[in-house]
Amino acid sequence: AVVSSLSTGSSGINAEYGKAKKVQKKFVLDCTHPAEDKILDPSDFATYLNEKIKVAGKTGNLGTNVIIQKEGFKVNVLSDIPFSKRYLKYLTKKYLKKQNLRDWLRVVASSPSTYELRYFQINQDDDDAED
């Protein structure tokens, strides 16, 4: 009786969380450049994300809420629960560090739902060699 008096009027589980709607988010991690050069393996990266992404504070707890797909040189992350794009950047950088690629690759947001792995641009001036 006490619980029903505290209810906001809407029934169901979502009443606790306010306006938690089922929103599916899709994030894309584009590994095209390093994968073409055979520096990074997208399937290994997808496996890493599968093991490391935490849901409700636990790894290996993806269930049907978070789906990771490898599509060519891209890794897609589909989420039915609130999911941070920044968290994917953090995990990507962590993976690059583990593979000792952090010195050559950077994670750049190319669109609101896409991260791209790019090489650092090192300016090599050929003019200096001529002098």
Protein backbone atom coordinates (compact mmCIF):
# COMPACT_ATOMS: atom_id res chain seq x y z
CA ALA A 1 0.00 0.00 0.00
CA VAL A 2 2.92 2.35 0.76
CA VAL A 3 4.58 1.67 -2.60
CA SER A 4 1.47 2.40 -4.66
CA SER A 5 0.97 5.75 -2.94
CA LEU A 6 4.51 6.78 -3.95
CA SER A 7 3.90 5.84 -7.59
CA THR A 8 3.83 8.67 -10.12
CA GLY A 9 0.75 7.27 -11.81
CA SER A 10 2.39 5.42 -14.68
CA SER A 11 2.60 1.69 -14.30
CA GLY A 12 5.52 -0.60 -15.09
CA ILE A 13 9.23 -0.74 -14.40
CA ASN A 14 10.02 2.58 -16.11
CA ALA A 15 8.04 4.51 -13.48
CA GLU A 16 11.05 4.27 -11.16
CA TYR A 17 13.42 5.90 -13.65
CA GLY A 18 11.16 8.72 -14.79
CA LYS A 19 11.13 9.01 -18.57
CA ALA A 20 13.44 6.11 -19.43
CA LYS A 21 12.27 5.23 -22.93
CA LYS A 22 13.64 2.34 -24.93
CA VAL A 23 16.04 4.20 -27.20
CA GLN A 24 18.40 2.23 -29.39
CA LYS A 25 21.74 3.90 -29.91
CA LYS A 26 24.19 2.85 -32.60
CA PHE A 27 27.86 3.72 -32.41
CA VAL A 28 30.38 2.93 -35.13
CA LEU A 29 34.11 2.49 -34.55
CA ASP A 30 35.80 2.85 -37.94
CA CYS A 31 39.10 0.94 -38.04
CA THR A 32 39.54 1.17 -41.83
CA HIS A 33 42.98 2.85 -42.01
CA PRO A 34 44.89 0.60 -39.55
CA ALA A 35 43.01 -2.54 -40.68
CA GLU A 36 43.95 -1.99 -44.35
CA ASP A 37 47.58 -1.72 -43.27
CA LYS A 38 47.14 -4.91 -41.21
CA ILE A 39 48.16 -3.11 -38.01
CA LEU A 40 44.89 -3.73 -36.19
CA ASP A 41 42.48 -6.67 -36.38
CA PRO A 42 38.83 -5.49 -36.16
CA SER A 43 37.56 -8.92 -35.03
CA ASP A 44 40.10 -8.96 -32.17
CA PHE A 45 38.99 -5.43 -31.25
CA ALA A 46 35.31 -6.52 -31.26
CA THR A 47 36.20 -9.44 -28.98
CA TYR A 48 38.03 -7.06 -26.64
CA LEU A 49 34.97 -4.78 -26.44
CA ASN A 50 32.76 -7.81 -25.80
CA GLU A 51 34.90 -8.76 -22.81
CA LYS A 52 35.45 -5.27 -21.39
CA ILE A 53 32.16 -3.36 -21.73
CA LYS A 54 30.46 -3.10 -18.37
CA VAL A 55 26.69 -3.20 -17.94
CA ALA A 56 25.40 -2.46 -14.42
CA GLY A 57 29.00 -2.48 -13.15
CA LYS A 58 29.84 -5.97 -14.40
CA THR A 59 31.87 -7.14 -17.38
CA GLY A 60 30.48 -9.99 -19.47
CA ASN A 61 26.95 -8.80 -18.65
CA LEU A 62 25.93 -7.58 -22.11
CA GLY A 63 22.91 -9.84 -22.59
CA THR A 64 20.62 -8.48 -25.28
CA ASN A 65 21.06 -4.86 -24.13
CA VAL A 66 24.38 -4.29 -25.92
CA ILE A 67 25.21 -5.95 -29.25
CA ILE A 68 28.65 -5.77 -30.87
CA GLN A 69 28.92 -6.50 -34.59
CA LYS A 70 31.90 -6.53 -36.92
CA GLU A 71 31.06 -5.21 -40.37
CA GLY A 72 34.07 -5.19 -42.68
CA PHE A 73 36.64 -2.88 -41.07
CA LYS A 74 34.01 -1.30 -38.80
CA VAL A 75 32.80 -2.36 -35.37
CA ASN A 76 29.17 -1.48 -34.56
CA VAL A 77 27.90 -1.19 -31.00
CA LEU A 78 24.11 -1.26 -30.63
CA SER A 79 22.66 -0.41 -27.23
CA ASP A 80 19.10 -0.51 -25.84
CA ILE A 81 20.21 1.00 -22.53
CA PRO A 82 21.77 4.42 -21.82
CA PHE A 83 25.29 4.13 -23.20
CA SER A 84 28.08 6.68 -23.40
CA LYS A 85 30.03 7.29 -26.60
CA ARG A 86 32.86 8.58 -24.42
CA TYR A 87 33.07 5.14 -22.74
CA LEU A 88 33.74 3.60 -26.16
CA LYS A 89 36.53 6.11 -26.75
CA TYR A 90 38.02 5.19 -23.36
CA LEU A 91 37.91 1.46 -24.15
CA THR A 92 39.32 2.03 -27.65
CA LYS A 93 42.27 3.99 -26.26
CA LYS A 94 42.80 1.27 -23.65
CA TYR A 95 42.86 -1.37 -26.41
CA LEU A 96 45.34 0.67 -28.49
CA LYS A 97 47.61 1.01 -25.44
CA LYS A 98 47.45 -2.75 -24.83
CA GLN A 99 48.41 -3.38 -28.49
CA ASN A 100 51.19 -0.73 -28.31
CA LEU A 101 49.51 1.29 -31.06
CA ARG A 102 48.75 4.38 -29.00
CA ASP A 103 51.84 6.19 -30.35
CA TRP A 104 50.62 5.93 -33.97
CA LEU A 105 46.82 5.98 -33.82
CA ARG A 106 44.33 8.44 -32.38
CA VAL A 107 40.59 8.19 -31.82
CA VAL A 108 38.70 10.99 -33.59
CA ALA A 109 34.95 11.66 -33.64
CA SER A 110 34.05 11.90 -37.33
CA SER A 111 30.28 12.21 -36.73
CA PRO A 112 27.97 12.34 -33.68
CA SER A 113 27.76 8.54 -33.56
CA THR A 114 31.11 7.53 -35.11
CA TYR A 115 34.69 7.30 -33.92
CA GLU A 116 37.47 6.84 -36.44
CA LEU A 117 40.97 5.52 -35.84
CA ARG A 118 43.41 7.80 -37.65
CA TYR A 119 47.16 8.06 -37.87
CA PHE A 120 48.87 11.01 -36.25
CA GLN A 121 49.81 13.52 -38.96
CA ILE A 122 53.55 14.10 -38.79
CA ASN A 123 54.68 17.01 -40.91
CA GLN A 124 57.66 15.95 -42.97
CA ASP A 125 59.04 18.88 -44.86
CA ASP A 126 61.06 17.80 -47.88
CA ASP A 127 62.19 21.41 -48.40
CA ASP A 128 64.70 21.13 -45.55
CA ALA A 129 66.50 18.24 -47.24
CA GLU A 130 67.18 20.29 -50.38
CA ASP A 131 69.16 23.01 -48.61
